[in-house]
Amino acid sequence: MLIGDLFKDYGQLPEYIGIRLLDVNQVSLFGDRPINIAATRGSISGLEVLVSLGADVNSAGEHGYTPLHNAVEQGMVVAVKWLLERGANKEAVNDAGMTPRELALVLDEKELVEILSDQF
């Protein structure tokens, strides 16, 4: 996946309407960055491109969600593992004071609770 294709795709989302995506850490109208969107979608290819170009795996977006929170909320097991392997902070708290593991508990995502309980 090329960054231009990724920006073209993400640039059509409501959070980027009227904003020309030019940077991997560019904040949307809602406070998310492209890496938050890639994590929400579980797009490993998107995550790889963004991180290779300097996106921060621990950047906080809308509601204080890190990409790890986004991936947990959507049940994206592969993305959660990928982010953890690249240093995502599993102790980061969102605006509600929840870690990704606590979010997984609330959402009854048993596999993710187990993954987030293991040492990474």
N, C-alpha and C. Protein backbone atom coordinates (compact mmCIF):
# COMPACT_ATOMS: atom_id res chain seq x y z
N MET A 1 0.84 -1.19 0.00
CA MET A 1 0.00 0.00 0.00
C MET A 1 0.88 1.24 0.00
N LEU A 2 0.51 2.19 -0.80
CA LEU A 2 1.24 3.45 -0.88
C LEU A 2 0.56 4.51 -0.03
N ILE A 3 1.35 5.42 0.50
CA ILE A 3 0.81 6.46 1.37
C ILE A 3 -0.21 7.33 0.64
N GLY A 4 0.02 7.61 -0.64
CA GLY A 4 -0.94 8.41 -1.41
C GLY A 4 -2.31 7.75 -1.49
N ASP A 5 -2.32 6.43 -1.67
CA ASP A 5 -3.58 5.70 -1.72
C ASP A 5 -4.27 5.73 -0.36
N LEU A 6 -3.48 5.57 0.68
CA LEU A 6 -4.04 5.60 2.04
C LEU A 6 -4.64 6.98 2.34
N PHE A 7 -3.91 8.05 2.03
CA PHE A 7 -4.41 9.39 2.27
C PHE A 7 -5.66 9.68 1.43
N LYS A 8 -5.69 9.20 0.21
CA LYS A 8 -6.87 9.40 -0.64
C LYS A 8 -8.10 8.72 -0.03
N ASP A 9 -7.91 7.49 0.45
CA ASP A 9 -9.00 6.75 1.07
C ASP A 9 -9.46 7.44 2.36
N TYR A 10 -8.54 7.73 3.26
CA TYR A 10 -8.88 8.33 4.54
C TYR A 10 -9.40 9.75 4.38
N GLY A 11 -8.92 10.46 3.36
CA GLY A 11 -9.35 11.83 3.11
C GLY A 11 -10.82 11.95 2.76
N GLN A 12 -11.46 10.84 2.41
CA GLN A 12 -12.88 10.85 2.08
C GLN A 12 -13.77 10.57 3.30
N LEU A 13 -13.16 10.29 4.44
CA LEU A 13 -13.92 10.04 5.65
C LEU A 13 -14.42 11.36 6.24
N PRO A 14 -15.55 11.32 6.94
CA PRO A 14 -16.11 12.57 7.50
C PRO A 14 -15.13 13.37 8.35
N GLU A 15 -14.26 12.69 9.08
CA GLU A 15 -13.34 13.40 9.97
C GLU A 15 -12.25 14.18 9.21
N TYR A 16 -12.09 13.90 7.91
CA TYR A 16 -11.11 14.63 7.12
C TYR A 16 -11.72 15.48 6.01
N ILE A 17 -13.04 15.65 6.03
CA ILE A 17 -13.69 16.49 5.03
C ILE A 17 -13.14 17.92 5.15
N GLY A 18 -12.70 18.47 4.04
CA GLY A 18 -12.16 19.82 4.03
C GLY A 18 -10.73 19.93 4.48
N ILE A 19 -10.11 18.80 4.80
CA ILE A 19 -8.71 18.80 5.22
C ILE A 19 -7.92 17.97 4.21
N ARG A 20 -6.85 18.53 3.71
CA ARG A 20 -6.00 17.77 2.79
C ARG A 20 -4.96 17.02 3.61
N LEU A 21 -5.03 15.71 3.56
CA LEU A 21 -4.09 14.88 4.30
C LEU A 21 -2.71 14.96 3.67
N LEU A 22 -1.74 15.41 4.44
CA LEU A 22 -0.38 15.57 3.94
C LEU A 22 0.66 14.96 4.87
N ASP A 23 0.26 14.56 6.06
CA ASP A 23 1.23 14.12 7.07
C ASP A 23 0.66 12.91 7.82
N VAL A 24 1.52 11.97 8.15
CA VAL A 24 1.07 10.76 8.85
C VAL A 24 0.54 11.03 10.25
N ASN A 25 0.88 12.17 10.82
CA ASN A 25 0.42 12.51 12.16
C ASN A 25 -0.62 13.63 12.15
N GLN A 26 -1.20 13.90 11.00
CA GLN A 26 -2.18 14.98 10.86
C GLN A 26 -3.47 14.64 11.63
N VAL A 27 -3.92 15.58 12.41
CA VAL A 27 -5.10 15.40 13.25
C VAL A 27 -6.37 15.73 12.46
N SER A 28 -7.38 14.88 12.62
CA SER A 28 -8.66 15.08 11.93
C SER A 28 -9.54 16.06 12.71
N LEU A 29 -10.70 16.34 12.16
CA LEU A 29 -11.67 17.21 12.83
C LEU A 29 -12.09 16.64 14.19
N PHE A 30 -12.05 15.31 14.32
CA PHE A 30 -12.47 14.66 15.56
C PHE A 30 -11.31 14.36 16.50
N GLY A 31 -10.09 14.66 16.08
CA GLY A 31 -8.93 14.46 16.94
C GLY A 31 -8.14 13.20 16.65
N ASP A 32 -8.58 12.38 15.70
CA ASP A 32 -7.84 11.17 15.35
C ASP A 32 -6.75 11.48 14.33
N ARG A 33 -5.83 10.55 14.25
CA ARG A 33 -4.77 10.59 13.24
C ARG A 33 -4.98 9.39 12.31
N PRO A 34 -4.31 9.37 11.17
CA PRO A 34 -4.47 8.22 10.29
C PRO A 34 -4.19 6.87 10.97
N ILE A 35 -3.25 6.83 11.91
CA ILE A 35 -2.95 5.56 12.57
C ILE A 35 -4.15 5.07 13.40
N ASN A 36 -4.93 5.99 13.95
CA ASN A 36 -6.14 5.58 14.69
C ASN A 36 -7.14 4.92 13.74
N ILE A 37 -7.24 5.47 12.55
CA ILE A 37 -8.18 4.92 11.57
C ILE A 37 -7.70 3.54 11.11
N ALA A 38 -6.41 3.41 10.82
CA ALA A 38 -5.87 2.12 10.40
C ALA A 38 -6.09 1.07 11.48
N ALA A 39 -5.89 1.44 12.74
CA ALA A 39 -6.09 0.50 13.84
C ALA A 39 -7.57 0.12 13.98
N THR A 40 -8.45 1.09 13.84
CA THR A 40 -9.89 0.83 13.90
C THR A 40 -10.30 -0.16 12.82
N ARG A 41 -9.73 -0.01 11.66
CA ARG A 41 -10.04 -0.89 10.53
C ARG A 41 -9.29 -2.23 10.60
N GLY A 42 -8.30 -2.31 11.47
CA GLY A 42 -7.49 -3.52 11.53
C GLY A 42 -6.60 -3.67 10.31
N SER A 43 -6.23 -2.56 9.70
CA SER A 43 -5.44 -2.57 8.48
C SER A 43 -3.95 -2.64 8.80
N ILE A 44 -3.41 -3.85 8.74
CA ILE A 44 -1.99 -4.02 9.02
C ILE A 44 -1.15 -3.31 7.96
N SER A 45 -1.56 -3.40 6.71
CA SER A 45 -0.78 -2.71 5.66
C SER A 45 -0.79 -1.20 5.90
N GLY A 46 -1.93 -0.65 6.32
CA GLY A 46 -2.00 0.77 6.64
C GLY A 46 -1.12 1.11 7.83
N LEU A 47 -1.17 0.29 8.86
CA LEU A 47 -0.34 0.52 10.04
C LEU A 47 1.14 0.48 9.67
N GLU A 48 1.51 -0.50 8.86
CA GLU A 48 2.91 -0.64 8.46
C GLU A 48 3.41 0.60 7.72
N VAL A 49 2.63 1.07 6.76
CA VAL A 49 3.01 2.25 6.00
C VAL A 49 3.14 3.46 6.92
N LEU A 50 2.14 3.68 7.74
CA LEU A 50 2.14 4.86 8.61
C LEU A 50 3.30 4.85 9.60
N VAL A 51 3.53 3.71 10.25
CA VAL A 51 4.63 3.63 11.23
C VAL A 51 5.98 3.77 10.53
N SER A 52 6.11 3.19 9.34
CA SER A 52 7.38 3.31 8.62
C SER A 52 7.70 4.76 8.26
N LEU A 53 6.65 5.59 8.19
CA LEU A 53 6.84 7.01 7.85
C LEU A 53 6.77 7.93 9.08
N GLY A 54 6.78 7.32 10.28
CA GLY A 54 6.89 8.13 11.49
C GLY A 54 5.66 8.27 12.36
N ALA A 55 4.58 7.57 12.04
CA ALA A 55 3.39 7.64 12.90
C ALA A 55 3.71 7.00 14.26
N ASP A 56 3.18 7.58 15.30
CA ASP A 56 3.43 7.14 16.67
C ASP A 56 2.36 6.14 17.11
N VAL A 57 2.77 4.92 17.48
CA VAL A 57 1.81 3.89 17.89
C VAL A 57 1.11 4.24 19.20
N ASN A 58 1.60 5.25 19.90
CA ASN A 58 0.98 5.65 21.17
C ASN A 58 0.30 7.01 21.12
N SER A 59 0.09 7.55 19.93
CA SER A 59 -0.56 8.85 19.84
C SER A 59 -2.03 8.75 20.24
N ALA A 60 -2.47 9.72 21.01
CA ALA A 60 -3.87 9.73 21.46
C ALA A 60 -4.72 10.50 20.46
N GLY A 61 -5.89 9.95 20.18
CA GLY A 61 -6.83 10.58 19.27
C GLY A 61 -8.11 10.96 19.99
N GLU A 62 -9.22 10.86 19.27
CA GLU A 62 -10.53 11.20 19.82
C GLU A 62 -10.79 10.42 21.11
N HIS A 63 -11.29 11.10 22.10
CA HIS A 63 -11.60 10.54 23.42
C HIS A 63 -10.38 9.94 24.11
N GLY A 64 -9.19 10.38 23.70
CA GLY A 64 -7.96 9.88 24.30
C GLY A 64 -7.61 8.46 23.90
N TYR A 65 -8.27 7.96 22.88
CA TYR A 65 -7.99 6.59 22.41
C TYR A 65 -6.64 6.55 21.69
N THR A 66 -5.81 5.61 22.09
CA THR A 66 -4.60 5.31 21.33
C THR A 66 -4.99 4.33 20.22
N PRO A 67 -4.12 4.09 19.26
CA PRO A 67 -4.43 3.08 18.25
C PRO A 67 -4.77 1.72 18.89
N LEU A 68 -4.14 1.41 20.01
CA LEU A 68 -4.44 0.15 20.69
C LEU A 68 -5.89 0.14 21.20
N HIS A 69 -6.35 1.23 21.77
CA HIS A 69 -7.76 1.33 22.18
C HIS A 69 -8.68 1.13 20.98
N ASN A 70 -8.34 1.80 19.86
CA ASN A 70 -9.16 1.69 18.65
C ASN A 70 -9.27 0.24 18.19
N ALA A 71 -8.14 -0.45 18.13
CA ALA A 71 -8.13 -1.85 17.68
C ALA A 71 -8.91 -2.74 18.64
N VAL A 72 -8.77 -2.50 19.93
CA VAL A 72 -9.51 -3.29 20.93
C VAL A 72 -11.00 -3.06 20.77
N GLU A 73 -11.41 -1.82 20.63
CA GLU A 73 -12.83 -1.51 20.53
C GLU A 73 -13.50 -2.23 19.36
N GLN A 74 -12.74 -2.44 18.29
CA GLN A 74 -13.29 -3.10 17.11
C GLN A 74 -13.00 -4.60 17.08
N GLY A 75 -12.35 -5.12 18.12
CA GLY A 75 -12.05 -6.56 18.18
C GLY A 75 -11.01 -7.01 17.18
N MET A 76 -10.09 -6.14 16.83
CA MET A 76 -9.08 -6.42 15.80
C MET A 76 -7.85 -7.09 16.43
N VAL A 77 -7.95 -8.40 16.62
CA VAL A 77 -6.92 -9.17 17.32
C VAL A 77 -5.55 -9.02 16.67
N VAL A 78 -5.47 -9.19 15.36
CA VAL A 78 -4.18 -9.11 14.67
C VAL A 78 -3.57 -7.71 14.83
N ALA A 79 -4.39 -6.69 14.72
CA ALA A 79 -3.89 -5.32 14.88
C ALA A 79 -3.41 -5.07 16.32
N VAL A 80 -4.13 -5.60 17.29
CA VAL A 80 -3.72 -5.46 18.70
C VAL A 80 -2.33 -6.08 18.89
N LYS A 81 -2.14 -7.30 18.39
CA LYS A 81 -0.84 -7.96 18.52
C LYS A 81 0.25 -7.17 17.80
N TRP A 82 -0.07 -6.70 16.60
CA TRP A 82 0.90 -5.94 15.81
C TRP A 82 1.33 -4.68 16.57
N LEU A 83 0.38 -3.96 17.11
CA LEU A 83 0.69 -2.74 17.85
C LEU A 83 1.52 -3.04 19.10
N LEU A 84 1.16 -4.08 19.83
CA LEU A 84 1.92 -4.44 21.03
C LEU A 84 3.35 -4.81 20.68
N GLU A 85 3.52 -5.53 19.59
CA GLU A 85 4.87 -5.93 19.17
C GLU A 85 5.72 -4.72 18.78
N ARG A 86 5.09 -3.61 18.51
CA ARG A 86 5.81 -2.39 18.13
C ARG A 86 5.81 -1.34 19.22
N GLY A 87 5.53 -1.78 20.44
CA GLY A 87 5.69 -0.88 21.58
C GLY A 87 4.47 -0.11 22.02
N ALA A 88 3.29 -0.49 21.56
CA ALA A 88 2.08 0.20 22.03
C ALA A 88 1.96 0.04 23.55
N ASN A 89 1.62 1.12 24.20
CA ASN A 89 1.52 1.14 25.65
C ASN A 89 0.17 0.57 26.09
N LYS A 90 0.19 -0.63 26.64
CA LYS A 90 -1.07 -1.25 27.05
C LYS A 90 -1.59 -0.68 28.37
N GLU A 91 -0.83 0.23 28.97
CA GLU A 91 -1.28 0.89 30.20
C GLU A 91 -1.82 2.30 29.94
N ALA A 92 -1.83 2.73 28.69
CA ALA A 92 -2.35 4.07 28.36
C ALA A 92 -3.83 4.14 28.71
N VAL A 93 -4.25 5.29 29.24
CA VAL A 93 -5.66 5.45 29.59
C VAL A 93 -6.32 6.45 28.66
N ASN A 94 -7.57 6.17 28.32
CA ASN A 94 -8.35 7.08 27.48
C ASN A 94 -9.01 8.13 28.36
N ASP A 95 -9.83 8.98 27.78
CA ASP A 95 -10.47 10.05 28.55
C ASP A 95 -11.40 9.52 29.64
N ALA A 96 -11.86 8.28 29.50
CA ALA A 96 -12.72 7.66 30.51
C ALA A 96 -11.89 6.96 31.59
N GLY A 97 -10.56 7.05 31.47
CA GLY A 97 -9.67 6.45 32.46
C GLY A 97 -9.47 4.95 32.28
N MET A 98 -9.77 4.44 31.09
CA MET A 98 -9.68 3.01 30.84
C MET A 98 -8.45 2.65 30.02
N THR A 99 -7.79 1.57 30.43
CA THR A 99 -6.71 1.02 29.63
C THR A 99 -7.33 0.17 28.51
N PRO A 100 -6.54 -0.20 27.52
CA PRO A 100 -7.08 -1.10 26.49
C PRO A 100 -7.62 -2.42 27.07
N ARG A 101 -6.95 -2.96 28.08
CA ARG A 101 -7.42 -4.19 28.71
C ARG A 101 -8.77 -3.98 29.39
N GLU A 102 -8.93 -2.88 30.09
CA GLU A 102 -10.21 -2.59 30.74
C GLU A 102 -11.32 -2.42 29.71
N LEU A 103 -10.99 -1.79 28.59
CA LEU A 103 -11.97 -1.65 27.50
C LEU A 103 -12.35 -3.03 26.97
N ALA A 104 -11.37 -3.91 26.80
CA ALA A 104 -11.65 -5.28 26.33
C ALA A 104 -12.55 -6.02 27.32
N LEU A 105 -12.34 -5.81 28.61
CA LEU A 105 -13.19 -6.42 29.63
C LEU A 105 -14.63 -5.95 29.50
N VAL A 106 -14.82 -4.65 29.36
CA VAL A 106 -16.15 -4.08 29.24
C VAL A 106 -16.85 -4.62 27.99
N LEU A 107 -16.09 -4.80 26.92
CA LEU A 107 -16.66 -5.27 25.65
C LEU A 107 -16.73 -6.79 25.57
N ASP A 108 -16.32 -7.46 26.63
CA ASP A 108 -16.34 -8.93 26.70
C ASP A 108 -15.52 -9.55 25.57
N GLU A 109 -14.39 -8.95 25.28
CA GLU A 109 -13.45 -9.46 24.28
C GLU A 109 -12.41 -10.34 25.00
N LYS A 110 -12.81 -11.58 25.29
CA LYS A 110 -11.99 -12.47 26.11
C LYS A 110 -10.58 -12.70 25.55
N GLU A 111 -10.48 -12.93 24.25
CA GLU A 111 -9.16 -13.16 23.65
C GLU A 111 -8.27 -11.94 23.82
N LEU A 112 -8.84 -10.76 23.65
CA LEU A 112 -8.05 -9.55 23.80
C LEU A 112 -7.66 -9.31 25.26
N VAL A 113 -8.55 -9.64 26.19
CA VAL A 113 -8.21 -9.51 27.61
C VAL A 113 -6.99 -10.37 27.90
N GLU A 114 -6.99 -11.59 27.38
CA GLU A 114 -5.87 -12.51 27.60
C GLU A 114 -4.59 -11.96 26.98
N ILE A 115 -4.67 -11.50 25.75
CA ILE A 115 -3.50 -10.94 25.06
C ILE A 115 -2.94 -9.75 25.84
N LEU A 116 -3.82 -8.88 26.29
CA LEU A 116 -3.40 -7.67 27.00
C LEU A 116 -2.94 -7.96 28.42
N SER A 117 -3.25 -9.13 28.94
CA SER A 117 -2.80 -9.53 30.26
C SER A 117 -1.40 -10.13 30.22
N ASP A 118 -1.02 -10.66 29.05
CA ASP A 118 0.31 -11.26 28.88
C ASP A 118 1.38 -10.18 28.84
N GLN A 119 2.59 -10.61 29.14
CA GLN A 119 3.73 -9.69 29.05
C GLN A 119 4.10 -9.50 27.59
N PHE A 120 4.26 -8.28 27.18
CA PHE A 120 4.75 -7.97 25.83
C PHE A 120 5.98 -7.15 25.95
